[in-house]
Amino acid sequence: MLAEVKPGQDYCPKVINMGSVSAYTSSLNRAEYCLSKAGVGMLTILFADRLAEAGINVYEIRPGIIQTDMTSKVQARYDRLIEAGVTPIKRWGQAEDVARAVLAIAEDLLPFSTGRLLM
């Protein structure tokens, strides 16, 4: 039996899963990564369904093109895609953009949302 979160309680537990655009974008060179990120999406929905009755919201953050060490090897390719309009906001995402999404969840700014995808 799950412990229930009581109204007015100071602490509301949350689960935040980190996904990727690779959850729905095929990359033949990184099949295992794509499969694992697609699995994170389903895990988020299943956990949300299971944990909602206990007052625990579950979210997935699925960043777009974020400037990191991992993407530095393909920077020129992504620069061209961004310029061509692959994303509505024509710039690289930054780690701080992802952190702000996590902060919004952690600060309980989305209390009536669970099993949802951000970014």
PDB file of N, CA and C in Angstrom:
ATOM      1  N   MET A   1       0.847  -1.182   0.000  1.00  0.00           N
ATOM      2  CA  MET A   1       0.000   0.000   0.000  1.00  0.00           C
ATOM      3  C   MET A   1       0.889   1.240   0.000  1.00  0.00           C
ATOM      4  N   LEU A   2       0.560   2.189  -0.846  1.00  0.00           N
ATOM      5  CA  LEU A   2       1.320   3.426  -0.931  1.00  0.00           C
ATOM      6  C   LEU A   2       0.879   4.399   0.149  1.00  0.00           C
ATOM      7  N   ALA A   3       1.847   5.146   0.668  1.00  0.00           N
ATOM      8  CA  ALA A   3       1.515   6.202   1.628  1.00  0.00           C
ATOM      9  C   ALA A   3       0.807   7.319   0.868  1.00  0.00           C
ATOM     10  N   GLU A   4      -0.239   7.854   1.448  1.00  0.00           N
ATOM     11  CA  GLU A   4      -1.009   8.886   0.774  1.00  0.00           C
ATOM     12  C   GLU A   4      -0.511  10.267   1.184  1.00  0.00           C
ATOM     13  N   VAL A   5      -0.454  11.177   0.213  1.00  0.00           N
ATOM     14  CA  VAL A   5      -0.100  12.564   0.481  1.00  0.00           C
ATOM     15  C   VAL A   5      -1.358  13.262   0.947  1.00  0.00           C
ATOM     16  N   LYS A   6      -1.275  13.931   2.066  1.00  0.00           N
ATOM     17  CA  LYS A   6      -2.434  14.594   2.648  1.00  0.00           C
ATOM     18  C   LYS A   6      -2.477  16.061   2.222  1.00  0.00           C
ATOM     19  N   PRO A   7      -3.686  16.602   1.954  1.00  0.00           N
ATOM     20  CA  PRO A   7      -3.806  18.021   1.603  1.00  0.00           C
ATOM     21  C   PRO A   7      -3.180  18.890   2.686  1.00  0.00           C
ATOM     22  N   GLY A   8      -2.501  19.933   2.253  1.00  0.00           N
ATOM     23  CA  GLY A   8      -1.851  20.842   3.183  1.00  0.00           C
ATOM     24  C   GLY A   8      -0.476  20.370   3.629  1.00  0.00           C
ATOM     25  N   GLN A   9      -0.110  19.179   3.262  1.00  0.00           N
ATOM     26  CA  GLN A   9       1.204  18.651   3.617  1.00  0.00           C
ATOM     27  C   GLN A   9       2.258  19.492   2.896  1.00  0.00           C
ATOM     28  N   ASP A  10       3.342  19.826   3.571  1.00  0.00           N
ATOM     29  CA  ASP A  10       4.376  20.680   2.990  1.00  0.00           C
ATOM     30  C   ASP A  10       5.090  20.019   1.818  1.00  0.00           C
ATOM     31  N   TYR A  11       5.240  18.733   1.862  1.00  0.00           N
ATOM     32  CA  TYR A  11       6.030  18.032   0.863  1.00  0.00           C
ATOM     33  C   TYR A  11       5.133  17.194  -0.046  1.00  0.00           C
ATOM     34  N   CYS A  12       5.243  17.390  -1.340  1.00  0.00           N
ATOM     35  CA  CYS A  12       4.516  16.580  -2.312  1.00  0.00           C
ATOM     36  C   CYS A  12       5.544  15.857  -3.175  1.00  0.00           C
ATOM     37  N   PRO A  13       5.686  14.560  -2.975  1.00  0.00           N
ATOM     38  CA  PRO A  13       6.685  13.837  -3.766  1.00  0.00           C
ATOM     39  C   PRO A  13       6.327  13.833  -5.243  1.00  0.00           C
ATOM     40  N   LYS A  14       7.358  13.818  -6.087  1.00  0.00           N
ATOM     41  CA  LYS A  14       7.188  13.801  -7.528  1.00  0.00           C
ATOM     42  C   LYS A  14       8.254  12.893  -8.127  1.00  0.00           C
ATOM     43  N   VAL A  15       7.942  12.366  -9.294  1.00  0.00           N
ATOM     44  CA  VAL A  15       8.914  11.601 -10.054  1.00  0.00           C
ATOM     45  C   VAL A  15       9.156  12.373 -11.346  1.00  0.00           C
ATOM     46  N   ILE A  16      10.424  12.639 -11.647  1.00  0.00           N
ATOM     47  CA  ILE A  16      10.786  13.339 -12.874  1.00  0.00           C
ATOM     48  C   ILE A  16      11.726  12.432 -13.663  1.00  0.00           C
ATOM     49  N   ASN A  17      11.251  11.977 -14.818  1.00  0.00           N
ATOM     50  CA  ASN A  17      12.058  11.140 -15.703  1.00  0.00           C
ATOM     51  C   ASN A  17      12.657  12.003 -16.801  1.00  0.00           C
ATOM     52  N   MET A  18      13.895  11.706 -17.166  1.00  0.00           N
ATOM     53  CA  MET A  18      14.562  12.462 -18.217  1.00  0.00           C
ATOM     54  C   MET A  18      14.525  11.664 -19.517  1.00  0.00           C
ATOM     55  N   GLY A  19      13.751  12.162 -20.473  1.00  0.00           N
ATOM     56  CA  GLY A  19      13.634  11.521 -21.768  1.00  0.00           C
ATOM     57  C   GLY A  19      14.521  12.195 -22.795  1.00  0.00           C
ATOM     58  N   SER A  20      14.132  12.092 -24.048  1.00  0.00           N
ATOM     59  CA  SER A  20      14.909  12.667 -25.145  1.00  0.00           C
ATOM     60  C   SER A  20      14.035  12.689 -26.393  1.00  0.00           C
ATOM     61  N   VAL A  21      14.344  13.592 -27.323  1.00  0.00           N
ATOM     62  CA  VAL A  21      13.655  13.573 -28.611  1.00  0.00           C
ATOM     63  C   VAL A  21      13.919  12.247 -29.319  1.00  0.00           C
ATOM     64  N   SER A  22      14.937  11.544 -28.900  1.00  0.00           N
ATOM     65  CA  SER A  22      15.230  10.226 -29.484  1.00  0.00           C
ATOM     66  C   SER A  22      14.157   9.203 -29.151  1.00  0.00           C
ATOM     67  N   ALA A  23      13.220   9.544 -28.297  1.00  0.00           N
ATOM     68  CA  ALA A  23      12.101   8.653 -27.989  1.00  0.00           C
ATOM     69  C   ALA A  23      11.193   8.473 -29.200  1.00  0.00           C
ATOM     70  N   TYR A  24      11.197   9.448 -30.109  1.00  0.00           N
ATOM     71  CA  TYR A  24      10.331   9.355 -31.289  1.00  0.00           C
ATOM     72  C   TYR A  24      11.069   9.648 -32.592  1.00  0.00           C
ATOM     73  N   THR A  25      12.376   9.848 -32.522  1.00  0.00           N
ATOM     74  CA  THR A  25      13.175  10.110 -33.711  1.00  0.00           C
ATOM     75  C   THR A  25      14.170   8.978 -33.893  1.00  0.00           C
ATOM     76  N   SER A  26      14.063   8.270 -34.977  1.00  0.00           N
ATOM     77  CA  SER A  26      14.931   7.127 -35.233  1.00  0.00           C
ATOM     78  C   SER A  26      16.360   7.560 -35.535  1.00  0.00           C
ATOM     79  N   SER A  27      17.302   6.861 -34.955  1.00  0.00           N
ATOM     80  CA  SER A  27      18.722   7.072 -35.230  1.00  0.00           C
ATOM     81  C   SER A  27      19.366   5.697 -35.301  1.00  0.00           C
ATOM     82  N   LEU A  28      19.674   5.247 -36.503  1.00  0.00           N
ATOM     83  CA  LEU A  28      20.178   3.894 -36.697  1.00  0.00           C
ATOM     84  C   LEU A  28      21.483   3.625 -35.956  1.00  0.00           C
ATOM     85  N   ASN A  29      22.273   4.657 -35.738  1.00  0.00           N
ATOM     86  CA  ASN A  29      23.544   4.490 -35.028  1.00  0.00           C
ATOM     87  C   ASN A  29      23.379   4.430 -33.515  1.00  0.00           C
ATOM     88  N   ARG A  30      22.182   4.742 -33.035  1.00  0.00           N
ATOM     89  CA  ARG A  30      21.948   4.775 -31.585  1.00  0.00           C
ATOM     90  C   ARG A  30      20.620   4.112 -31.245  1.00  0.00           C
ATOM     91  N   ALA A  31      20.380   2.955 -31.832  1.00  0.00           N
ATOM     92  CA  ALA A  31      19.100   2.265 -31.644  1.00  0.00           C
ATOM     93  C   ALA A  31      18.804   1.994 -30.176  1.00  0.00           C
ATOM     94  N   GLU A  32      19.801   1.529 -29.432  1.00  0.00           N
ATOM     95  CA  GLU A  32      19.572   1.215 -28.017  1.00  0.00           C
ATOM     96  C   GLU A  32      19.191   2.459 -27.218  1.00  0.00           C
ATOM     97  N   TYR A  33      19.766   3.601 -27.562  1.00  0.00           N
ATOM     98  CA  TYR A  33      19.434   4.855 -26.889  1.00  0.00           C
ATOM     99  C   TYR A  33      17.986   5.241 -27.214  1.00  0.00           C
ATOM    100  N   CYS A  34      17.616   5.151 -28.488  1.00  0.00           N
ATOM    101  CA  CYS A  34      16.242   5.480 -28.897  1.00  0.00           C
ATOM    102  C   CYS A  34      15.235   4.578 -28.191  1.00  0.00           C
ATOM    103  N   LEU A  35      15.522   3.287 -28.151  1.00  0.00           N
ATOM    104  CA  LEU A  35      14.614   2.344 -27.490  1.00  0.00           C
ATOM    105  C   LEU A  35      14.478   2.643 -26.003  1.00  0.00           C
ATOM    106  N   SER A  36      15.586   2.940 -25.358  1.00  0.00           N
ATOM    107  CA  SER A  36      15.522   3.208 -23.918  1.00  0.00           C
ATOM    108  C   SER A  36      14.738   4.483 -23.630  1.00  0.00           C
ATOM    109  N   LYS A  37      14.887   5.497 -24.473  1.00  0.00           N
ATOM    110  CA  LYS A  37      14.162   6.747 -24.257  1.00  0.00           C
ATOM    111  C   LYS A  37      12.672   6.591 -24.573  1.00  0.00           C
ATOM    112  N   ALA A  38      12.331   5.764 -25.554  1.00  0.00           N
ATOM    113  CA  ALA A  38      10.920   5.465 -25.808  1.00  0.00           C
ATOM    114  C   ALA A  38      10.329   4.751 -24.596  1.00  0.00           C
ATOM    115  N   GLY A  39      11.106   3.878 -23.993  1.00  0.00           N
ATOM    116  CA  GLY A  39      10.663   3.182 -22.784  1.00  0.00           C
ATOM    117  C   GLY A  39      10.430   4.128 -21.621  1.00  0.00           C
ATOM    118  N   VAL A  40      11.237   5.170 -21.518  1.00  0.00           N
ATOM    119  CA  VAL A  40      11.051   6.167 -20.453  1.00  0.00           C
ATOM    120  C   VAL A  40       9.684   6.834 -20.596  1.00  0.00           C
ATOM    121  N   GLY A  41       9.264   7.080 -21.835  1.00  0.00           N
ATOM    122  CA  GLY A  41       7.946   7.679 -22.056  1.00  0.00           C
ATOM    123  C   GLY A  41       6.827   6.807 -21.522  1.00  0.00           C
ATOM    124  N   MET A  42       6.869   5.518 -21.802  1.00  0.00           N
ATOM    125  CA  MET A  42       5.838   4.601 -21.310  1.00  0.00           C
ATOM    126  C   MET A  42       5.948   4.436 -19.795  1.00  0.00           C
ATOM    127  N   LEU A  43       7.159   4.375 -19.286  1.00  0.00           N
ATOM    128  CA  LEU A  43       7.364   4.273 -17.837  1.00  0.00           C
ATOM    129  C   LEU A  43       6.689   5.447 -17.127  1.00  0.00           C
ATOM    130  N   THR A  44       6.815   6.634 -17.690  1.00  0.00           N
ATOM    131  CA  THR A  44       6.206   7.828 -17.111  1.00  0.00           C
ATOM    132  C   THR A  44       4.688   7.680 -17.033  1.00  0.00           C
ATOM    133  N   ILE A  45       4.078   7.212 -18.109  1.00  0.00           N
ATOM    134  CA  ILE A  45       2.618   7.053 -18.134  1.00  0.00           C
ATOM    135  C   ILE A  45       2.173   5.981 -17.135  1.00  0.00           C
ATOM    136  N   LEU A  46       2.866   4.849 -17.125  1.00  0.00           N
ATOM    137  CA  LEU A  46       2.504   3.766 -16.206  1.00  0.00           C
ATOM    138  C   LEU A  46       2.647   4.190 -14.745  1.00  0.00           C
ATOM    139  N   PHE A  47       3.765   4.849 -14.425  1.00  0.00           N
ATOM    140  CA  PHE A  47       3.967   5.309 -13.042  1.00  0.00           C
ATOM    141  C   PHE A  47       2.926   6.352 -12.667  1.00  0.00           C
ATOM    142  N   ALA A  48       2.587   7.240 -13.601  1.00  0.00           N
ATOM    143  CA  ALA A  48       1.574   8.268 -13.318  1.00  0.00           C
ATOM    144  C   ALA A  48       0.243   7.618 -12.979  1.00  0.00           C
ATOM    145  N   ASP A  49      -0.147   6.622 -13.764  1.00  0.00           N
ATOM    146  CA  ASP A  49      -1.402   5.920 -13.497  1.00  0.00           C
ATOM    147  C   ASP A  49      -1.370   5.224 -12.144  1.00  0.00           C
ATOM    148  N   ARG A  50      -0.256   4.628 -11.815  1.00  0.00           N
ATOM    149  CA  ARG A  50      -0.149   3.862 -10.563  1.00  0.00           C
ATOM    150  C   ARG A  50      -0.029   4.760  -9.331  1.00  0.00           C
ATOM    151  N   LEU A  51       0.681   5.859  -9.451  1.00  0.00           N
ATOM    152  CA  LEU A  51       0.996   6.682  -8.277  1.00  0.00           C
ATOM    153  C   LEU A  51       0.015   7.831  -8.031  1.00  0.00           C
ATOM    154  N   ALA A  52      -0.870   8.110  -8.975  1.00  0.00           N
ATOM    155  CA  ALA A  52      -1.808   9.232  -8.811  1.00  0.00           C
ATOM    156  C   ALA A  52      -2.661   9.082  -7.564  1.00  0.00           C
ATOM    157  N   GLU A  53      -3.105   7.868  -7.277  1.00  0.00           N
ATOM    158  CA  GLU A  53      -3.960   7.658  -6.101  1.00  0.00           C
ATOM    159  C   GLU A  53      -3.232   7.976  -4.796  1.00  0.00           C
ATOM    160  N   ALA A  54      -1.914   7.958  -4.834  1.00  0.00           N
ATOM    161  CA  ALA A  54      -1.128   8.289  -3.643  1.00  0.00           C
ATOM    162  C   ALA A  54      -0.720   9.757  -3.626  1.00  0.00           C
ATOM    163  N   GLY A  55      -1.160  10.530  -4.624  1.00  0.00           N
ATOM    164  CA  GLY A  55      -0.828  11.951  -4.662  1.00  0.00           C
ATOM    165  C   GLY A  55       0.575  12.231  -5.170  1.00  0.00           C
ATOM    166  N   ILE A  56       1.140  11.282  -5.904  1.00  0.00           N
ATOM    167  CA  ILE A  56       2.492  11.463  -6.445  1.00  0.00           C
ATOM    168  C   ILE A  56       2.374  11.678  -7.950  1.00  0.00           C
ATOM    169  N   ASN A  57       2.754  12.853  -8.402  1.00  0.00           N
ATOM    170  CA  ASN A  57       2.710  13.157  -9.827  1.00  0.00           C
ATOM    171  C   ASN A  57       4.011  12.718 -10.486  1.00  0.00           C
ATOM    172  N   VAL A  58       3.889  12.301 -11.740  1.00  0.00           N
ATOM    173  CA  VAL A  58       5.033  11.796 -12.497  1.00  0.00           C
ATOM    174  C   VAL A  58       5.121  12.569 -13.804  1.00  0.00           C
ATOM    175  N   TYR A  59       6.323  12.974 -14.165  1.00  0.00           N
ATOM    176  CA  TYR A  59       6.545  13.791 -15.352  1.00  0.00           C
ATOM    177  C   TYR A  59       7.711  13.239 -16.156  1.00  0.00           C
ATOM    178  N   GLU A  60       7.704  13.562 -17.426  1.00  0.00           N
ATOM    179  CA  GLU A  60       8.873  13.308 -18.269  1.00  0.00           C
ATOM    180  C   GLU A  60       9.305  14.632 -18.871  1.00  0.00           C
ATOM    181  N   ILE A  61      10.568  14.922 -18.744  1.00  0.00           N
ATOM    182  CA  ILE A  61      11.151  16.064 -19.432  1.00  0.00           C
ATOM    183  C   ILE A  61      11.884  15.490 -20.641  1.00  0.00           C
ATOM    184  N   ARG A  62      11.505  15.965 -21.821  1.00  0.00           N
ATOM    185  CA  ARG A  62      12.079  15.451 -23.055  1.00  0.00           C
ATOM    186  C   ARG A  62      12.733  16.631 -23.785  1.00  0.00           C
ATOM    187  N   PRO A  63      13.963  16.936 -23.419  1.00  0.00           N
ATOM    188  CA  PRO A  63      14.629  18.093 -24.021  1.00  0.00           C
ATOM    189  C   PRO A  63      14.792  17.938 -25.528  1.00  0.00           C
ATOM    190  N   GLY A  64      14.854  19.061 -26.177  1.00  0.00           N
ATOM    191  CA  GLY A  64      15.149  19.077 -27.604  1.00  0.00           C
ATOM    192  C   GLY A  64      16.654  19.030 -27.805  1.00  0.00           C
ATOM    193  N   ILE A  65      17.141  19.886 -28.649  1.00  0.00           N
ATOM    194  CA  ILE A  65      18.571  19.901 -28.958  1.00  0.00           C
ATOM    195  C   ILE A  65      19.265  20.761 -27.904  1.00  0.00           C
ATOM    196  N   ILE A  66      19.938  20.074 -26.987  1.00  0.00           N
ATOM    197  CA  ILE A  66      20.589  20.742 -25.864  1.00  0.00           C
ATOM    198  C   ILE A  66      22.096  20.723 -26.080  1.00  0.00           C
ATOM    199  N   GLN A  67      22.727  21.852 -25.862  1.00  0.00           N
ATOM    200  CA  GLN A  67      24.170  21.968 -26.048  1.00  0.00           C
ATOM    201  C   GLN A  67      24.893  21.320 -24.869  1.00  0.00           C
ATOM    202  N   THR A  68      25.454  20.153 -25.128  1.00  0.00           N
ATOM    203  CA  THR A  68      26.166  19.386 -24.102  1.00  0.00           C
ATOM    204  C   THR A  68      27.397  18.735 -24.732  1.00  0.00           C
ATOM    205  N   ASP A  69      28.173  18.056 -23.914  1.00  0.00           N
ATOM    206  CA  ASP A  69      29.305  17.291 -24.437  1.00  0.00           C
ATOM    207  C   ASP A  69      28.822  16.242 -25.436  1.00  0.00           C
ATOM    208  N   MET A  70      27.663  15.644 -25.164  1.00  0.00           N
ATOM    209  CA  MET A  70      27.137  14.598 -26.037  1.00  0.00           C
ATOM    210  C   MET A  70      26.812  15.130 -27.440  1.00  0.00           C
ATOM    211  N   THR A  71      26.305  16.360 -27.527  1.00  0.00           N
ATOM    212  CA  THR A  71      25.940  16.915 -28.832  1.00  0.00           C
ATOM    213  C   THR A  71      27.076  17.686 -29.490  1.00  0.00           C
ATOM    214  N   SER A  72      28.168  17.897 -28.787  1.00  0.00           N
ATOM    215  CA  SER A  72      29.275  18.683 -29.347  1.00  0.00           C
ATOM    216  C   SER A  72      29.891  18.016 -30.575  1.00  0.00           C
ATOM    217  N   LYS A  73      29.824  16.714 -30.644  1.00  0.00           N
ATOM    218  CA  LYS A  73      30.415  15.980 -31.773  1.00  0.00           C
ATOM    219  C   LYS A  73      29.642  16.196 -33.073  1.00  0.00           C
ATOM    220  N   VAL A  74      28.398  16.627 -32.959  1.00  0.00           N
ATOM    221  CA  VAL A  74      27.554  16.839 -34.148  1.00  0.00           C
ATOM    222  C   VAL A  74      27.026  18.273 -34.195  1.00  0.00           C
ATOM    223  N   GLN A  75      27.800  19.193 -33.643  1.00  0.00           N
ATOM    224  CA  GLN A  75      27.342  20.577 -33.536  1.00  0.00           C
ATOM    225  C   GLN A  75      27.034  21.198 -34.901  1.00  0.00           C
ATOM    226  N   ALA A  76      27.889  21.000 -35.875  1.00  0.00           N
ATOM    227  CA  ALA A  76      27.672  21.608 -37.195  1.00  0.00           C
ATOM    228  C   ALA A  76      26.364  21.111 -37.809  1.00  0.00           C
ATOM    229  N   ARG A  77      26.092  19.825 -37.666  1.00  0.00           N
ATOM    230  CA  ARG A  77      24.844  19.258 -38.199  1.00  0.00           C
ATOM    231  C   ARG A  77      23.630  19.894 -37.528  1.00  0.00           C
ATOM    232  N   TYR A  78      23.665  19.993 -36.189  1.00  0.00           N
ATOM    233  CA  TYR A  78      22.539  20.587 -35.474  1.00  0.00           C
ATOM    234  C   TYR A  78      22.429  22.080 -35.722  1.00  0.00           C
ATOM    235  N   ASP A  79      23.550  22.766 -35.901  1.00  0.00           N
ATOM    236  CA  ASP A  79      23.492  24.191 -36.253  1.00  0.00           C
ATOM    237  C   ASP A  79      22.682  24.383 -37.531  1.00  0.00           C
ATOM    238  N   ARG A  80      22.919  23.532 -38.525  1.00  0.00           N
ATOM    239  CA  ARG A  80      22.188  23.625 -39.798  1.00  0.00           C
ATOM    240  C   ARG A  80      20.700  23.317 -39.591  1.00  0.00           C
ATOM    241  N   LEU A  81      20.406  22.281 -38.804  1.00  0.00           N
ATOM    242  CA  LEU A  81      19.006  21.917 -38.554  1.00  0.00           C
ATOM    243  C   LEU A  81      18.256  23.025 -37.813  1.00  0.00           C
ATOM    244  N   ILE A  82      18.906  23.592 -36.821  1.00  0.00           N
ATOM    245  CA  ILE A  82      18.280  24.684 -36.057  1.00  0.00           C
ATOM    246  C   ILE A  82      18.012  25.873 -36.977  1.00  0.00           C
ATOM    247  N   GLU A  83      18.998  26.232 -37.785  1.00  0.00           N
ATOM    248  CA  GLU A  83      18.844  27.351 -38.718  1.00  0.00           C
ATOM    249  C   GLU A  83      17.724  27.082 -39.724  1.00  0.00           C
ATOM    250  N   ALA A  84      17.559  25.809 -40.111  1.00  0.00           N
ATOM    251  CA  ALA A  84      16.518  25.435 -41.076  1.00  0.00           C
ATOM    252  C   ALA A  84      15.127  25.377 -40.444  1.00  0.00           C
ATOM    253  N   GLY A  85      15.053  25.481 -39.119  1.00  0.00           N
ATOM    254  CA  GLY A  85      13.753  25.527 -38.464  1.00  0.00           C
ATOM    255  C   GLY A  85      13.266  24.216 -37.878  1.00  0.00           C
ATOM    256  N   VAL A  86      14.189  23.287 -37.579  1.00  0.00           N
ATOM    257  CA  VAL A  86      13.771  22.007 -36.989  1.00  0.00           C
ATOM    258  C   VAL A  86      13.112  22.208 -35.624  1.00  0.00           C
ATOM    259  N   THR A  87      13.424  23.298 -34.968  1.00  0.00           N
ATOM    260  CA  THR A  87      12.790  23.650 -33.699  1.00  0.00           C
ATOM    261  C   THR A  87      12.155  25.031 -33.856  1.00  0.00           C
ATOM    262  N   PRO A  88      11.041  25.283 -33.188  1.00  0.00           N
ATOM    263  CA  PRO A  88      10.392  26.591 -33.330  1.00  0.00           C
ATOM    264  C   PRO A  88      11.240  27.741 -32.793  1.00  0.00           C
ATOM    265  N   ILE A  89      12.023  27.484 -31.768  1.00  0.00           N
ATOM    266  CA  ILE A  89      12.928  28.502 -31.223  1.00  0.00           C
ATOM    267  C   ILE A  89      14.298  28.216 -31.832  1.00  0.00           C
ATOM    268  N   LYS A  90      14.803  29.142 -32.614  1.00  0.00           N
ATOM    269  CA  LYS A  90      16.021  28.897 -33.391  1.00  0.00           C
ATOM    270  C   LYS A  90      17.276  29.178 -32.572  1.00  0.00           C
ATOM    271  N   ARG A  91      17.495  28.311 -31.606  1.00  0.00           N
ATOM    272  CA  ARG A  91      18.741  28.348 -30.832  1.00  0.00           C
ATOM    273  C   ARG A  91      18.936  27.009 -30.163  1.00  0.00           C
ATOM    274  N   TRP A  92      20.159  26.767 -29.757  1.00  0.00           N
ATOM    275  CA  TRP A  92      20.450  25.579 -28.966  1.00  0.00           C
ATOM    276  C   TRP A  92      19.774  25.711 -27.609  1.00  0.00           C
ATOM    277  N   GLY A  93      19.247  24.618 -27.105  1.00  0.00           N
ATOM    278  CA  GLY A  93      18.790  24.595 -25.725  1.00  0.00           C
ATOM    279  C   GLY A  93      20.007  24.500 -24.810  1.00  0.00           C
ATOM    280  N   GLN A  94      19.856  24.993 -23.624  1.00  0.00           N
ATOM    281  CA  GLN A  94      20.947  24.975 -22.644  1.00  0.00           C
ATOM    282  C   GLN A  94      20.545  24.136 -21.437  1.00  0.00           C
ATOM    283  N   ALA A  95      21.524  23.674 -20.698  1.00  0.00           N
ATOM    284  CA  ALA A  95      21.253  22.900 -19.485  1.00  0.00           C
ATOM    285  C   ALA A  95      20.328  23.681 -18.549  1.00  0.00           C
ATOM    286  N   GLU A  96      20.474  24.994 -18.525  1.00  0.00           N
ATOM    287  CA  GLU A  96      19.636  25.833 -17.674  1.00  0.00           C
ATOM    288  C   GLU A  96      18.170  25.762 -18.088  1.00  0.00           C
ATOM    289  N   ASP A  97      17.893  25.573 -19.370  1.00  0.00           N
ATOM    290  CA  ASP A  97      16.509  25.430 -19.841  1.00  0.00           C
ATOM    291  C   ASP A  97      15.880  24.174 -19.250  1.00  0.00           C
ATOM    292  N   VAL A  98      16.644  23.097 -19.233  1.00  0.00           N
ATOM    293  CA  VAL A  98      16.165  21.841 -18.654  1.00  0.00           C
ATOM    294  C   VAL A  98      15.992  22.009 -17.146  1.00  0.00           C
ATOM    295  N   ALA A  99      16.947  22.658 -16.509  1.00  0.00           N
ATOM    296  CA  ALA A  99      16.876  22.870 -15.065  1.00  0.00           C
ATOM    297  C   ALA A  99      15.632  23.666 -14.676  1.00  0.00           C
ATOM    298  N   ARG A 100      15.249  24.631 -15.491  1.00  0.00           N
ATOM    299  CA  ARG A 100      14.044  25.426 -15.200  1.00  0.00           C
ATOM    300  C   ARG A 100      12.781  24.567 -15.263  1.00  0.00           C
ATOM    301  N   ALA A 101      12.751  23.620 -16.189  1.00  0.00           N
ATOM    302  CA  ALA A 101      11.600  22.711 -16.266  1.00  0.00           C
ATOM    303  C   ALA A 101      11.530  21.844 -15.009  1.00  0.00           C
ATOM    304  N   VAL A 102      12.675  21.346 -14.566  1.00  0.00           N
ATOM    305  CA  VAL A 102      12.733  20.546 -13.337  1.00  0.00           C
ATOM    306  C   VAL A 102      12.278  21.398 -12.155  1.00  0.00           C
ATOM    307  N   LEU A 103      12.730  22.628 -12.107  1.00  0.00           N
ATOM    308  CA  LEU A 103      12.365  23.529 -11.013  1.00  0.00           C
ATOM    309  C   LEU A 103      10.858  23.793 -10.977  1.00  0.00           C
ATOM    310  N   ALA A 104      10.247  23.980 -12.137  1.00  0.00           N
ATOM    311  CA  ALA A 104       8.798  24.208 -12.186  1.00  0.00           C
ATOM    312  C   ALA A 104       8.042  23.033 -11.583  1.00  0.00           C
ATOM    313  N   ILE A 105       8.501  21.830 -11.866  1.00  0.00           N
ATOM    314  CA  ILE A 105       7.870  20.636 -11.287  1.00  0.00           C
ATOM    315  C   ILE A 105       8.145  20.571  -9.790  1.00  0.00           C
ATOM    316  N   ALA A 106       9.388  20.752  -9.420  1.00  0.00           N
ATOM    317  CA  ALA A 106       9.779  20.645  -8.011  1.00  0.00           C
ATOM    318  C   ALA A 106       9.067  21.679  -7.143  1.00  0.00           C
ATOM    319  N   GLU A 107       8.804  22.853  -7.698  1.00  0.00           N
ATOM    320  CA  GLU A 107       8.112  23.902  -6.946  1.00  0.00           C
ATOM    321  C   GLU A 107       6.599  23.748  -6.998  1.00  0.00           C
ATOM    322  N   ASP A 108       6.122  22.647  -7.546  1.00  0.00           N
ATOM    323  CA  ASP A 108       4.703  22.309  -7.593  1.00  0.00           C
ATOM    324  C   ASP A 108       3.880  23.315  -8.393  1.00  0.00           C
ATOM    325  N   LEU A 109       4.440  23.785  -9.506  1.00  0.00           N
ATOM    326  CA  LEU A 109       3.725  24.720 -10.364  1.00  0.00           C
ATOM    327  C   LEU A 109       2.790  24.011 -11.346  1.00  0.00           C
ATOM    328  N   LEU A 110       2.809  22.680 -11.337  1.00  0.00           N
ATOM    329  CA  LEU A 110       1.949  21.896 -12.225  1.00  0.00           C
ATOM    330  C   LEU A 110       1.169  20.849 -11.419  1.00  0.00           C
ATOM    331  N   PRO A 111       0.432  21.263 -10.401  1.00  0.00           N
ATOM    332  CA  PRO A 111      -0.163  20.297  -9.479  1.00  0.00           C
ATOM    333  C   PRO A 111      -1.291  19.431 -10.051  1.00  0.00           C
ATOM    334  N   PHE A 112      -1.884  19.856 -11.166  1.00  0.00           N
ATOM    335  CA  PHE A 112      -2.988  19.080 -11.733  1.00  0.00           C
ATOM    336  C   PHE A 112      -2.553  18.351 -12.994  1.00  0.00           C
ATOM    337  N   SER A 113      -1.271  18.110 -13.091  1.00  0.00           N
ATOM    338  CA  SER A 113      -0.701  17.448 -14.255  1.00  0.00           C
ATOM    339  C   SER A 113       0.102  16.251 -13.798  1.00  0.00           C
ATOM    340  N   THR A 114      -0.118  15.115 -14.458  1.00  0.00           N
ATOM    341  CA  THR A 114       0.698  13.932 -14.193  1.00  0.00           C
ATOM    342  C   THR A 114       0.718  13.078 -15.445  1.00  0.00           C
ATOM    343  N   GLY A 115       1.800  12.333 -15.623  1.00  0.00           N
ATOM    344  CA  GLY A 115       1.955  11.515 -16.813  1.00  0.00           C
ATOM    345  C   GLY A 115       2.190  12.333 -18.062  1.00  0.00           C
ATOM    346  N   ARG A 116       2.640  13.549 -17.882  1.00  0.00           N
ATOM    347  CA  ARG A 116       2.786  14.478 -19.009  1.00  0.00           C
ATOM    348  C   ARG A 116       4.239  14.712 -19.366  1.00  0.00           C
ATOM    349  N   LEU A 117       4.369  15.201 -20.572  1.00  0.00           N
ATOM    350  CA  LEU A 117       5.658  15.467 -21.173  1.00  0.00           C
ATOM    351  C   LEU A 117       5.898  16.959 -21.204  1.00  0.00           C
ATOM    352  N   LEU A 118       7.099  17.373 -20.803  1.00  0.00           N
ATOM    353  CA  LEU A 118       7.483  18.776 -20.897  1.00  0.00           C
ATOM    354  C   LEU A 118       8.614  18.910 -21.893  1.00  0.00           C
ATOM    355  N   MET A 119       8.614  19.981 -22.593  1.00  0.00           N
ATOM    356  CA  MET A 119       9.591  20.383 -23.591  1.00  0.00           C
ATOM    357  C   MET A 119       9.326  19.603 -24.824  1.00  0.00           C
TER     358      MET A 119
END
